[in-house]
Amino acid sequence: DDVYRTILSPIKTAFKIKRVSSTDVVCTY
């Protein structure tokens, strides 16, 4: 129930994104 807005993104600052399964991705920063 802890819900809040953020400017952070999982994707925008990632310099490498790799899909590792049908549902999972690994982002490197």
mmCIF file of all heavy atoms, coordinates in Angstrom:
data_MODEL
# 
_entry.id   MODEL 
# 
loop_
_atom_site.group_PDB 
_atom_site.id 
_atom_site.type_symbol 
_atom_site.label_atom_id 
_atom_site.label_alt_id 
_atom_site.label_comp_id 
_atom_site.label_asym_id 
_atom_site.label_entity_id 
_atom_site.label_seq_id 
_atom_site.pdbx_PDB_ins_code 
_atom_site.Cartn_x 
_atom_site.Cartn_y 
_atom_site.Cartn_z 
_atom_site.occupancy 
_atom_site.B_iso_or_equiv 
_atom_site.pdbx_formal_charge 
_atom_site.auth_seq_id 
_atom_site.auth_comp_id 
_atom_site.auth_asym_id 
_atom_site.auth_atom_id 
_atom_site.pdbx_PDB_model_num 
ATOM 1   N N   . ASP A 1 1  ? 0.808  -1.221  0.000   1.00 0.00 ? 1  ASP A N   1 
ATOM 2   C CA  . ASP A 1 1  ? 0.000  0.000   0.000   1.00 0.00 ? 1  ASP A CA  1 
ATOM 3   C C   . ASP A 1 1  ? 0.840  1.270   0.000   1.00 0.00 ? 1  ASP A C   1 
ATOM 4   O O   . ASP A 1 1  ? 0.307  2.372   0.067   1.00 0.00 ? 1  ASP A O   1 
ATOM 5   C CB  . ASP A 1 1  ? -0.936 0.016   1.215   1.00 0.00 ? 1  ASP A CB  1 
ATOM 6   C CG  . ASP A 1 1  ? -2.168 -0.848  0.987   1.00 0.00 ? 1  ASP A CG  1 
ATOM 7   O OD1 . ASP A 1 1  ? -2.352 -1.331  -0.144  1.00 0.00 ? 1  ASP A OD1 1 
ATOM 8   O OD2 . ASP A 1 1  ? -2.942 -1.041  1.946   1.00 0.00 ? 1  ASP A OD2 1 
ATOM 9   N N   . ASP A 1 2  ? 2.148  1.121   -0.078  1.00 0.00 ? 2  ASP A N   1 
ATOM 10  C CA  . ASP A 1 2  ? 3.020  2.285   -0.205  1.00 0.00 ? 2  ASP A CA  1 
ATOM 11  C C   . ASP A 1 2  ? 3.104  2.658   -1.685  1.00 0.00 ? 2  ASP A C   1 
ATOM 12  O O   . ASP A 1 2  ? 3.723  1.955   -2.484  1.00 0.00 ? 2  ASP A O   1 
ATOM 13  C CB  . ASP A 1 2  ? 4.406  1.969   0.352   1.00 0.00 ? 2  ASP A CB  1 
ATOM 14  C CG  . ASP A 1 2  ? 5.286  3.209   0.444   1.00 0.00 ? 2  ASP A CG  1 
ATOM 15  O OD1 . ASP A 1 2  ? 4.728  4.328   0.408   1.00 0.00 ? 2  ASP A OD1 1 
ATOM 16  O OD2 . ASP A 1 2  ? 6.523  3.057   0.546   1.00 0.00 ? 2  ASP A OD2 1 
ATOM 17  N N   . VAL A 1 3  ? 2.449  3.751   -2.054  1.00 0.00 ? 3  VAL A N   1 
ATOM 18  C CA  . VAL A 1 3  ? 2.307  4.139   -3.455  1.00 0.00 ? 3  VAL A CA  1 
ATOM 19  C C   . VAL A 1 3  ? 2.686  5.611   -3.590  1.00 0.00 ? 3  VAL A C   1 
ATOM 20  O O   . VAL A 1 3  ? 2.179  6.458   -2.859  1.00 0.00 ? 3  VAL A O   1 
ATOM 21  C CB  . VAL A 1 3  ? 0.852  3.921   -3.938  1.00 0.00 ? 3  VAL A CB  1 
ATOM 22  C CG1 . VAL A 1 3  ? 0.696  4.357   -5.382  1.00 0.00 ? 3  VAL A CG1 1 
ATOM 23  C CG2 . VAL A 1 3  ? 0.449  2.462   -3.788  1.00 0.00 ? 3  VAL A CG2 1 
ATOM 24  N N   . TYR A 1 4  ? 3.602  5.914   -4.522  1.00 0.00 ? 4  TYR A N   1 
ATOM 25  C CA  . TYR A 1 4  ? 4.021  7.302   -4.680  1.00 0.00 ? 4  TYR A CA  1 
ATOM 26  C C   . TYR A 1 4  ? 4.571  7.531   -6.075  1.00 0.00 ? 4  TYR A C   1 
ATOM 27  O O   . TYR A 1 4  ? 5.036  6.621   -6.758  1.00 0.00 ? 4  TYR A O   1 
ATOM 28  C CB  . TYR A 1 4  ? 5.061  7.690   -3.633  1.00 0.00 ? 4  TYR A CB  1 
ATOM 29  C CG  . TYR A 1 4  ? 6.298  6.805   -3.603  1.00 0.00 ? 4  TYR A CG  1 
ATOM 30  C CD1 . TYR A 1 4  ? 7.444  7.150   -4.316  1.00 0.00 ? 4  TYR A CD1 1 
ATOM 31  C CD2 . TYR A 1 4  ? 6.309  5.620   -2.862  1.00 0.00 ? 4  TYR A CD2 1 
ATOM 32  C CE1 . TYR A 1 4  ? 8.569  6.359   -4.292  1.00 0.00 ? 4  TYR A CE1 1 
ATOM 33  C CE2 . TYR A 1 4  ? 7.437  4.816   -2.831  1.00 0.00 ? 4  TYR A CE2 1 
ATOM 34  C CZ  . TYR A 1 4  ? 8.559  5.182   -3.548  1.00 0.00 ? 4  TYR A CZ  1 
ATOM 35  O OH  . TYR A 1 4  ? 9.672  4.373   -3.530  1.00 0.00 ? 4  TYR A OH  1 
ATOM 36  N N   . ARG A 1 5  ? 4.514  8.797   -6.510  1.00 0.00 ? 5  ARG A N   1 
ATOM 37  C CA  . ARG A 1 5  ? 5.025  9.184   -7.817  1.00 0.00 ? 5  ARG A CA  1 
ATOM 38  C C   . ARG A 1 5  ? 6.544  9.312   -7.785  1.00 0.00 ? 5  ARG A C   1 
ATOM 39  O O   . ARG A 1 5  ? 7.129  9.638   -6.743  1.00 0.00 ? 5  ARG A O   1 
ATOM 40  C CB  . ARG A 1 5  ? 4.414  10.515  -8.260  1.00 0.00 ? 5  ARG A CB  1 
ATOM 41  C CG  . ARG A 1 5  ? 2.980  10.395  -8.738  1.00 0.00 ? 5  ARG A CG  1 
ATOM 42  C CD  . ARG A 1 5  ? 2.434  11.727  -9.191  1.00 0.00 ? 5  ARG A CD  1 
ATOM 43  N NE  . ARG A 1 5  ? 1.153  11.579  -9.898  1.00 0.00 ? 5  ARG A NE  1 
ATOM 44  C CZ  . ARG A 1 5  ? 0.448  12.582  -10.355 1.00 0.00 ? 5  ARG A CZ  1 
ATOM 45  N NH1 . ARG A 1 5  ? 0.862  13.826  -10.196 1.00 0.00 ? 5  ARG A NH1 1 
ATOM 46  N NH2 . ARG A 1 5  ? -0.690 12.364  -10.998 1.00 0.00 ? 5  ARG A NH2 1 
ATOM 47  N N   . THR A 1 6  ? 7.153  9.092   -8.950  1.00 0.00 ? 6  THR A N   1 
ATOM 48  C CA  . THR A 1 6  ? 8.595  9.210   -9.056  1.00 0.00 ? 6  THR A CA  1 
ATOM 49  C C   . THR A 1 6  ? 8.977  9.645   -10.462 1.00 0.00 ? 6  THR A C   1 
ATOM 50  O O   . THR A 1 6  ? 8.249  9.364   -11.425 1.00 0.00 ? 6  THR A O   1 
ATOM 51  C CB  . THR A 1 6  ? 9.291  7.871   -8.718  1.00 0.00 ? 6  THR A CB  1 
ATOM 52  O OG1 . THR A 1 6  ? 10.713 8.041   -8.822  1.00 0.00 ? 6  THR A OG1 1 
ATOM 53  C CG2 . THR A 1 6  ? 8.857  6.762   -9.674  1.00 0.00 ? 6  THR A CG2 1 
ATOM 54  N N   . ILE A 1 7  ? 10.112 10.328  -10.577 1.00 0.00 ? 7  ILE A N   1 
ATOM 55  C CA  . ILE A 1 7  ? 10.638 10.641  -11.910 1.00 0.00 ? 7  ILE A CA  1 
ATOM 56  C C   . ILE A 1 7  ? 11.571 9.537   -12.387 1.00 0.00 ? 7  ILE A C   1 
ATOM 57  O O   . ILE A 1 7  ? 12.009 9.536   -13.540 1.00 0.00 ? 7  ILE A O   1 
ATOM 58  C CB  . ILE A 1 7  ? 11.388 11.986  -11.921 1.00 0.00 ? 7  ILE A CB  1 
ATOM 59  C CG1 . ILE A 1 7  ? 12.570 11.959  -10.944 1.00 0.00 ? 7  ILE A CG1 1 
ATOM 60  C CG2 . ILE A 1 7  ? 10.437 13.131  -11.599 1.00 0.00 ? 7  ILE A CG2 1 
ATOM 61  C CD1 . ILE A 1 7  ? 13.471 13.183  -11.042 1.00 0.00 ? 7  ILE A CD1 1 
ATOM 62  N N   . LEU A 1 8  ? 11.877 8.595   -11.512 1.00 0.00 ? 8  LEU A N   1 
ATOM 63  C CA  . LEU A 1 8  ? 12.788 7.507   -11.871 1.00 0.00 ? 8  LEU A CA  1 
ATOM 64  C C   . LEU A 1 8  ? 12.120 6.542   -12.839 1.00 0.00 ? 8  LEU A C   1 
ATOM 65  O O   . LEU A 1 8  ? 10.919 6.312   -12.787 1.00 0.00 ? 8  LEU A O   1 
ATOM 66  C CB  . LEU A 1 8  ? 13.237 6.751   -10.619 1.00 0.00 ? 8  LEU A CB  1 
ATOM 67  C CG  . LEU A 1 8  ? 14.023 7.558   -9.581  1.00 0.00 ? 8  LEU A CG  1 
ATOM 68  C CD1 . LEU A 1 8  ? 14.352 6.692   -8.381  1.00 0.00 ? 8  LEU A CD1 1 
ATOM 69  C CD2 . LEU A 1 8  ? 15.291 8.142   -10.191 1.00 0.00 ? 8  LEU A CD2 1 
ATOM 70  N N   . SER A 1 9  ? 12.924 5.970   -13.708 1.00 0.00 ? 9  SER A N   1 
ATOM 71  C CA  . SER A 1 9  ? 12.432 5.019   -14.700 1.00 0.00 ? 9  SER A CA  1 
ATOM 72  C C   . SER A 1 9  ? 13.351 3.801   -14.733 1.00 0.00 ? 9  SER A C   1 
ATOM 73  O O   . SER A 1 9  ? 14.572 3.945   -14.601 1.00 0.00 ? 9  SER A O   1 
ATOM 74  C CB  . SER A 1 9  ? 12.392 5.670   -16.085 1.00 0.00 ? 9  SER A CB  1 
ATOM 75  O OG  . SER A 1 9  ? 12.253 4.689   -17.089 1.00 0.00 ? 9  SER A OG  1 
ATOM 76  N N   . PRO A 1 10 ? 12.803 2.622   -14.933 1.00 0.00 ? 10 PRO A N   1 
ATOM 77  C CA  . PRO A 1 10 ? 13.670 1.446   -15.078 1.00 0.00 ? 10 PRO A CA  1 
ATOM 78  C C   . PRO A 1 10 ? 14.476 1.464   -16.364 1.00 0.00 ? 10 PRO A C   1 
ATOM 79  O O   . PRO A 1 10 ? 15.491 0.774   -16.470 1.00 0.00 ? 10 PRO A O   1 
ATOM 80  C CB  . PRO A 1 10 ? 12.661 0.283   -15.096 1.00 0.00 ? 10 PRO A CB  1 
ATOM 81  C CG  . PRO A 1 10 ? 11.390 0.826   -14.579 1.00 0.00 ? 10 PRO A CG  1 
ATOM 82  C CD  . PRO A 1 10 ? 11.385 2.262   -14.948 1.00 0.00 ? 10 PRO A CD  1 
ATOM 83  N N   . ILE A 1 11 ? 14.035 2.259   -17.351 1.00 0.00 ? 11 ILE A N   1 
ATOM 84  C CA  . ILE A 1 11 ? 14.572 2.130   -18.703 1.00 0.00 ? 11 ILE A CA  1 
ATOM 85  C C   . ILE A 1 11 ? 15.432 3.313   -19.128 1.00 0.00 ? 11 ILE A C   1 
ATOM 86  O O   . ILE A 1 11 ? 16.466 3.139   -19.768 1.00 0.00 ? 11 ILE A O   1 
ATOM 87  C CB  . ILE A 1 11 ? 13.411 1.947   -19.711 1.00 0.00 ? 11 ILE A CB  1 
ATOM 88  C CG1 . ILE A 1 11 ? 12.605 0.709   -19.347 1.00 0.00 ? 11 ILE A CG1 1 
ATOM 89  C CG2 . ILE A 1 11 ? 13.925 1.838   -21.132 1.00 0.00 ? 11 ILE A CG2 1 
ATOM 90  C CD1 . ILE A 1 11 ? 11.304 0.601   -20.101 1.00 0.00 ? 11 ILE A CD1 1 
ATOM 91  N N   . LYS A 1 12 ? 15.037 4.520   -18.793 1.00 0.00 ? 12 LYS A N   1 
ATOM 92  C CA  . LYS A 1 12 ? 15.656 5.708   -19.391 1.00 0.00 ? 12 LYS A CA  1 
ATOM 93  C C   . LYS A 1 12 ? 17.165 5.781   -19.198 1.00 0.00 ? 12 LYS A C   1 
ATOM 94  O O   . LYS A 1 12 ? 17.899 6.187   -20.102 1.00 0.00 ? 12 LYS A O   1 
ATOM 95  C CB  . LYS A 1 12 ? 14.997 6.971   -18.830 1.00 0.00 ? 12 LYS A CB  1 
ATOM 96  C CG  . LYS A 1 12 ? 13.617 7.241   -19.389 1.00 0.00 ? 12 LYS A CG  1 
ATOM 97  C CD  . LYS A 1 12 ? 13.039 8.516   -18.805 1.00 0.00 ? 12 LYS A CD  1 
ATOM 98  C CE  . LYS A 1 12 ? 11.627 8.754   -19.300 1.00 0.00 ? 12 LYS A CE  1 
ATOM 99  N NZ  . LYS A 1 12 ? 11.017 9.951   -18.678 1.00 0.00 ? 12 LYS A NZ  1 
ATOM 100 N N   . THR A 1 13 ? 17.655 5.406   -18.019 1.00 0.00 ? 13 THR A N   1 
ATOM 101 C CA  . THR A 1 13 ? 19.092 5.540   -17.756 1.00 0.00 ? 13 THR A CA  1 
ATOM 102 C C   . THR A 1 13 ? 19.855 4.237   -17.936 1.00 0.00 ? 13 THR A C   1 
ATOM 103 O O   . THR A 1 13 ? 21.064 4.193   -17.692 1.00 0.00 ? 13 THR A O   1 
ATOM 104 C CB  . THR A 1 13 ? 19.319 6.070   -16.330 1.00 0.00 ? 13 THR A CB  1 
ATOM 105 O OG1 . THR A 1 13 ? 18.737 5.163   -15.385 1.00 0.00 ? 13 THR A OG1 1 
ATOM 106 C CG2 . THR A 1 13 ? 18.716 7.456   -16.168 1.00 0.00 ? 13 THR A CG2 1 
ATOM 107 N N   . ALA A 1 14 ? 19.170 3.187   -18.371 1.00 0.00 ? 14 ALA A N   1 
ATOM 108 C CA  . ALA A 1 14 ? 19.853 1.909   -18.585 1.00 0.00 ? 14 ALA A CA  1 
ATOM 109 C C   . ALA A 1 14 ? 20.663 1.962   -19.880 1.00 0.00 ? 14 ALA A C   1 
ATOM 110 O O   . ALA A 1 14 ? 20.148 2.351   -20.915 1.00 0.00 ? 14 ALA A O   1 
ATOM 111 C CB  . ALA A 1 14 ? 18.842 0.778   -18.644 1.00 0.00 ? 14 ALA A CB  1 
ATOM 112 N N   . PHE A 1 15 ? 21.966 1.598   -19.825 1.00 0.00 ? 15 PHE A N   1 
ATOM 113 C CA  . PHE A 1 15 ? 22.758 1.599   -21.052 1.00 0.00 ? 15 PHE A CA  1 
ATOM 114 C C   . PHE A 1 15 ? 22.769 0.218   -21.717 1.00 0.00 ? 15 PHE A C   1 
ATOM 115 O O   . PHE A 1 15 ? 23.220 0.072   -22.853 1.00 0.00 ? 15 PHE A O   1 
ATOM 116 C CB  . PHE A 1 15 ? 24.188 2.093   -20.804 1.00 0.00 ? 15 PHE A CB  1 
ATOM 117 C CG  . PHE A 1 15 ? 25.060 1.182   -19.988 1.00 0.00 ? 15 PHE A CG  1 
ATOM 118 C CD1 . PHE A 1 15 ? 25.713 0.097   -20.572 1.00 0.00 ? 15 PHE A CD1 1 
ATOM 119 C CD2 . PHE A 1 15 ? 25.269 1.426   -18.647 1.00 0.00 ? 15 PHE A CD2 1 
ATOM 120 C CE1 . PHE A 1 15 ? 26.542 -0.728  -19.820 1.00 0.00 ? 15 PHE A CE1 1 
ATOM 121 C CE2 . PHE A 1 15 ? 26.081 0.601   -17.888 1.00 0.00 ? 15 PHE A CE2 1 
ATOM 122 C CZ  . PHE A 1 15 ? 26.721 -0.482  -18.472 1.00 0.00 ? 15 PHE A CZ  1 
ATOM 123 N N   . LYS A 1 16 ? 22.195 -0.774  -21.016 1.00 0.00 ? 16 LYS A N   1 
ATOM 124 C CA  . LYS A 1 16 ? 22.064 -2.097  -21.610 1.00 0.00 ? 16 LYS A CA  1 
ATOM 125 C C   . LYS A 1 16 ? 20.803 -2.762  -21.064 1.00 0.00 ? 16 LYS A C   1 
ATOM 126 O O   . LYS A 1 16 ? 20.584 -2.787  -19.860 1.00 0.00 ? 16 LYS A O   1 
ATOM 127 C CB  . LYS A 1 16 ? 23.291 -2.962  -21.316 1.00 0.00 ? 16 LYS A CB  1 
ATOM 128 C CG  . LYS A 1 16 ? 23.255 -4.327  -21.992 1.00 0.00 ? 16 LYS A CG  1 
ATOM 129 C CD  . LYS A 1 16 ? 24.507 -5.121  -21.695 1.00 0.00 ? 16 LYS A CD  1 
ATOM 130 C CE  . LYS A 1 16 ? 24.465 -6.478  -22.377 1.00 0.00 ? 16 LYS A CE  1 
ATOM 131 N NZ  . LYS A 1 16 ? 25.685 -7.293  -22.067 1.00 0.00 ? 16 LYS A NZ  1 
ATOM 132 N N   . ILE A 1 17 ? 19.976 -3.276  -21.963 1.00 0.00 ? 17 ILE A N   1 
ATOM 133 C CA  . ILE A 1 17 ? 18.756 -3.978  -21.571 1.00 0.00 ? 17 ILE A CA  1 
ATOM 134 C C   . ILE A 1 17 ? 18.761 -5.339  -22.260 1.00 0.00 ? 17 ILE A C   1 
ATOM 135 O O   . ILE A 1 17 ? 18.882 -5.417  -23.487 1.00 0.00 ? 17 ILE A O   1 
ATOM 136 C CB  . ILE A 1 17 ? 17.484 -3.193  -21.958 1.00 0.00 ? 17 ILE A CB  1 
ATOM 137 C CG1 . ILE A 1 17 ? 17.486 -1.811  -21.308 1.00 0.00 ? 17 ILE A CG1 1 
ATOM 138 C CG2 . ILE A 1 17 ? 16.231 -3.962  -21.554 1.00 0.00 ? 17 ILE A CG2 1 
ATOM 139 C CD1 . ILE A 1 17 ? 16.340 -0.922  -21.739 1.00 0.00 ? 17 ILE A CD1 1 
ATOM 140 N N   . LYS A 1 18 ? 18.609 -6.383  -21.484 1.00 0.00 ? 18 LYS A N   1 
ATOM 141 C CA  . LYS A 1 18 ? 18.652 -7.742  -22.027 1.00 0.00 ? 18 LYS A CA  1 
ATOM 142 C C   . LYS A 1 18 ? 17.448 -8.535  -21.541 1.00 0.00 ? 18 LYS A C   1 
ATOM 143 O O   . LYS A 1 18 ? 17.165 -8.574  -20.348 1.00 0.00 ? 18 LYS A O   1 
ATOM 144 C CB  . LYS A 1 18 ? 19.940 -8.451  -21.612 1.00 0.00 ? 18 LYS A CB  1 
ATOM 145 C CG  . LYS A 1 18 ? 20.083 -9.860  -22.183 1.00 0.00 ? 18 LYS A CG  1 
ATOM 146 C CD  . LYS A 1 18 ? 21.384 -10.513 -21.730 1.00 0.00 ? 18 LYS A CD  1 
ATOM 147 C CE  . LYS A 1 18 ? 21.510 -11.924 -22.289 1.00 0.00 ? 18 LYS A CE  1 
ATOM 148 N NZ  . LYS A 1 18 ? 22.762 -12.577 -21.832 1.00 0.00 ? 18 LYS A NZ  1 
ATOM 149 N N   . ARG A 1 19 ? 16.768 -9.148  -22.480 1.00 0.00 ? 19 ARG A N   1 
ATOM 150 C CA  . ARG A 1 19 ? 15.652 -10.020 -22.121 1.00 0.00 ? 19 ARG A CA  1 
ATOM 151 C C   . ARG A 1 19 ? 16.213 -11.389 -21.752 1.00 0.00 ? 19 ARG A C   1 
ATOM 152 O O   . ARG A 1 19 ? 16.964 -11.992 -22.523 1.00 0.00 ? 19 ARG A O   1 
ATOM 153 C CB  . ARG A 1 19 ? 14.680 -10.146 -23.286 1.00 0.00 ? 19 ARG A CB  1 
ATOM 154 C CG  . ARG A 1 19 ? 13.427 -10.937 -22.951 1.00 0.00 ? 19 ARG A CG  1 
ATOM 155 C CD  . ARG A 1 19 ? 12.395 -10.835 -24.061 1.00 0.00 ? 19 ARG A CD  1 
ATOM 156 N NE  . ARG A 1 19 ? 11.113 -11.396 -23.652 1.00 0.00 ? 19 ARG A NE  1 
ATOM 157 C CZ  . ARG A 1 19 ? 9.961  -11.098 -24.211 1.00 0.00 ? 19 ARG A CZ  1 
ATOM 158 N NH1 . ARG A 1 19 ? 9.922  -10.246 -25.228 1.00 0.00 ? 19 ARG A NH1 1 
ATOM 159 N NH2 . ARG A 1 19 ? 8.833  -11.629 -23.778 1.00 0.00 ? 19 ARG A NH2 1 
ATOM 160 N N   . VAL A 1 20 ? 15.825 -11.891 -20.568 1.00 0.00 ? 20 VAL A N   1 
ATOM 161 C CA  . VAL A 1 20 ? 16.390 -13.162 -20.094 1.00 0.00 ? 20 VAL A CA  1 
ATOM 162 C C   . VAL A 1 20 ? 15.345 -14.264 -19.971 1.00 0.00 ? 20 VAL A C   1 
ATOM 163 O O   . VAL A 1 20 ? 15.695 -15.418 -19.729 1.00 0.00 ? 20 VAL A O   1 
ATOM 164 C CB  . VAL A 1 20 ? 17.113 -12.969 -18.742 1.00 0.00 ? 20 VAL A CB  1 
ATOM 165 C CG1 . VAL A 1 20 ? 18.334 -12.075 -18.930 1.00 0.00 ? 20 VAL A CG1 1 
ATOM 166 C CG2 . VAL A 1 20 ? 16.182 -12.397 -17.681 1.00 0.00 ? 20 VAL A CG2 1 
ATOM 167 N N   . SER A 1 21 ? 14.068 -13.919 -20.119 1.00 0.00 ? 21 SER A N   1 
ATOM 168 C CA  . SER A 1 21 ? 13.001 -14.927 -20.112 1.00 0.00 ? 21 SER A CA  1 
ATOM 169 C C   . SER A 1 21 ? 11.764 -14.307 -20.737 1.00 0.00 ? 21 SER A C   1 
ATOM 170 O O   . SER A 1 21 ? 11.789 -13.164 -21.189 1.00 0.00 ? 21 SER A O   1 
ATOM 171 C CB  . SER A 1 21 ? 12.699 -15.414 -18.686 1.00 0.00 ? 21 SER A CB  1 
ATOM 172 O OG  . SER A 1 21 ? 11.983 -14.434 -17.958 1.00 0.00 ? 21 SER A OG  1 
ATOM 173 N N   . SER A 1 22 ? 10.675 -15.042 -20.731 1.00 0.00 ? 22 SER A N   1 
ATOM 174 C CA  . SER A 1 22 ? 9.439  -14.517 -21.324 1.00 0.00 ? 22 SER A CA  1 
ATOM 175 C C   . SER A 1 22 ? 8.894  -13.325 -20.561 1.00 0.00 ? 22 SER A C   1 
ATOM 176 O O   . SER A 1 22 ? 8.148  -12.510 -21.102 1.00 0.00 ? 22 SER A O   1 
ATOM 177 C CB  . SER A 1 22 ? 8.378  -15.617 -21.380 1.00 0.00 ? 22 SER A CB  1 
ATOM 178 O OG  . SER A 1 22 ? 8.064  -16.068 -20.066 1.00 0.00 ? 22 SER A OG  1 
ATOM 179 N N   . THR A 1 23 ? 9.283  -13.187 -19.293 1.00 0.00 ? 23 THR A N   1 
ATOM 180 C CA  . THR A 1 23 ? 8.755  -12.091 -18.475 1.00 0.00 ? 23 THR A CA  1 
ATOM 181 C C   . THR A 1 23 ? 9.831  -11.201 -17.865 1.00 0.00 ? 23 THR A C   1 
ATOM 182 O O   . THR A 1 23 ? 9.504  -10.131 -17.351 1.00 0.00 ? 23 THR A O   1 
ATOM 183 C CB  . THR A 1 23 ? 7.898  -12.647 -17.321 1.00 0.00 ? 23 THR A CB  1 
ATOM 184 O OG1 . THR A 1 23 ? 8.705  -13.520 -16.517 1.00 0.00 ? 23 THR A OG1 1 
ATOM 185 C CG2 . THR A 1 23 ? 6.690  -13.410 -17.846 1.00 0.00 ? 23 THR A CG2 1 
ATOM 186 N N   . ASP A 1 24 ? 11.107 -11.614 -17.911 1.00 0.00 ? 24 ASP A N   1 
ATOM 187 C CA  . ASP A 1 24 ? 12.150 -10.904 -17.174 1.00 0.00 ? 24 ASP A CA  1 
ATOM 188 C C   . ASP A 1 24 ? 13.131 -10.189 -18.093 1.00 0.00 ? 24 ASP A C   1 
ATOM 189 O O   . ASP A 1 24 ? 13.481 -10.677 -19.179 1.00 0.00 ? 24 ASP A O   1 
ATOM 190 C CB  . ASP A 1 24 ? 12.933 -11.873 -16.278 1.00 0.00 ? 24 ASP A CB  1 
ATOM 191 C CG  . ASP A 1 24 ? 12.092 -12.410 -15.138 1.00 0.00 ? 24 ASP A CG  1 
ATOM 192 O OD1 . ASP A 1 24 ? 10.913 -12.024 -15.041 1.00 0.00 ? 24 ASP A OD1 1 
ATOM 193 O OD2 . ASP A 1 24 ? 12.608 -13.220 -14.344 1.00 0.00 ? 24 ASP A OD2 1 
ATOM 194 N N   . VAL A 1 25 ? 13.572 -9.010  -17.637 1.00 0.00 ? 25 VAL A N   1 
ATOM 195 C CA  . VAL A 1 25 ? 14.646 -8.278  -18.312 1.00 0.00 ? 25 VAL A CA  1 
ATOM 196 C C   . VAL A 1 25 ? 15.674 -7.866  -17.271 1.00 0.00 ? 25 VAL A C   1 
ATOM 197 O O   . VAL A 1 25 ? 15.348 -7.664  -16.094 1.00 0.00 ? 25 VAL A O   1 
ATOM 198 C CB  . VAL A 1 25 ? 14.121 -7.024  -19.052 1.00 0.00 ? 25 VAL A CB  1 
ATOM 199 C CG1 . VAL A 1 25 ? 13.201 -7.400  -20.190 1.00 0.00 ? 25 VAL A CG1 1 
ATOM 200 C CG2 . VAL A 1 25 ? 13.441 -6.064  -18.092 1.00 0.00 ? 25 VAL A CG2 1 
ATOM 201 N N   . VAL A 1 26 ? 16.923 -7.760  -17.726 1.00 0.00 ? 26 VAL A N   1 
ATOM 202 C CA  . VAL A 1 26 ? 18.005 -7.254  -16.877 1.00 0.00 ? 26 VAL A CA  1 
ATOM 203 C C   . VAL A 1 26 ? 18.479 -5.933  -17.457 1.00 0.00 ? 26 VAL A C   1 
ATOM 204 O O   . VAL A 1 26 ? 18.831 -5.840  -18.635 1.00 0.00 ? 26 VAL A O   1 
ATOM 205 C CB  . VAL A 1 26 ? 19.178 -8.248  -16.796 1.00 0.00 ? 26 VAL A CB  1 
ATOM 206 C CG1 . VAL A 1 26 ? 20.325 -7.628  -15.997 1.00 0.00 ? 26 VAL A CG1 1 
ATOM 207 C CG2 . VAL A 1 26 ? 18.736 -9.554  -16.153 1.00 0.00 ? 26 VAL A CG2 1 
ATOM 208 N N   . CYS A 1 27 ? 18.454 -4.885  -16.622 1.00 0.00 ? 27 CYS A N   1 
ATOM 209 C CA  . CYS A 1 27 ? 18.917 -3.568  -17.032 1.00 0.00 ? 27 CYS A CA  1 
ATOM 210 C C   . CYS A 1 27 ? 20.230 -3.261  -16.317 1.00 0.00 ? 27 CYS A C   1 
ATOM 211 O O   . CYS A 1 27 ? 20.345 -3.475  -15.097 1.00 0.00 ? 27 CYS A O   1 
ATOM 212 C CB  . CYS A 1 27 ? 17.887 -2.497  -16.691 1.00 0.00 ? 27 CYS A CB  1 
ATOM 213 S SG  . CYS A 1 27 ? 16.338 -2.658  -17.604 1.00 0.00 ? 27 CYS A SG  1 
ATOM 214 N N   . THR A 1 28 ? 21.193 -2.754  -17.074 1.00 0.00 ? 28 THR A N   1 
ATOM 215 C CA  . THR A 1 28 ? 22.495 -2.393  -16.522 1.00 0.00 ? 28 THR A CA  1 
ATOM 216 C C   . THR A 1 28 ? 22.660 -0.874  -16.566 1.00 0.00 ? 28 THR A C   1 
ATOM 217 O O   . THR A 1 28 ? 22.349 -0.233  -17.575 1.00 0.00 ? 28 THR A O   1 
ATOM 218 C CB  . THR A 1 28 ? 23.629 -3.058  -17.316 1.00 0.00 ? 28 THR A CB  1 
ATOM 219 O OG1 . THR A 1 28 ? 23.401 -4.476  -17.367 1.00 0.00 ? 28 THR A OG1 1 
ATOM 220 C CG2 . THR A 1 28 ? 24.974 -2.806  -16.650 1.00 0.00 ? 28 THR A CG2 1 
ATOM 221 N N   . TYR A 1 29 ? 23.157 -0.316  -15.461 1.00 0.00 ? 29 TYR A N   1 
ATOM 222 C CA  . TYR A 1 29 ? 23.231 1.140   -15.310 1.00 0.00 ? 29 TYR A CA  1 
ATOM 223 C C   . TYR A 1 29 ? 24.644 1.575   -14.927 1.00 0.00 ? 29 TYR A C   1 
ATOM 224 O O   . TYR A 1 29 ? 25.441 0.781   -14.410 1.00 0.00 ? 29 TYR A O   1 
ATOM 225 C CB  . TYR A 1 29 ? 22.285 1.606   -14.197 1.00 0.00 ? 29 TYR A CB  1 
ATOM 226 C CG  . TYR A 1 29 ? 20.859 1.141   -14.316 1.00 0.00 ? 29 TYR A CG  1 
ATOM 227 C CD1 . TYR A 1 29 ? 20.450 -0.075  -13.769 1.00 0.00 ? 29 TYR A CD1 1 
ATOM 228 C CD2 . TYR A 1 29 ? 19.900 1.916   -14.959 1.00 0.00 ? 29 TYR A CD2 1 
ATOM 229 C CE1 . TYR A 1 29 ? 19.134 -0.505  -13.864 1.00 0.00 ? 29 TYR A CE1 1 
ATOM 230 C CE2 . TYR A 1 29 ? 18.590 1.505   -15.057 1.00 0.00 ? 29 TYR A CE2 1 
ATOM 231 C CZ  . TYR A 1 29 ? 18.208 0.282   -14.508 1.00 0.00 ? 29 TYR A CZ  1 
ATOM 232 O OH  . TYR A 1 29 ? 16.902 -0.142  -14.595 1.00 0.00 ? 29 TYR A OH  1 
# 
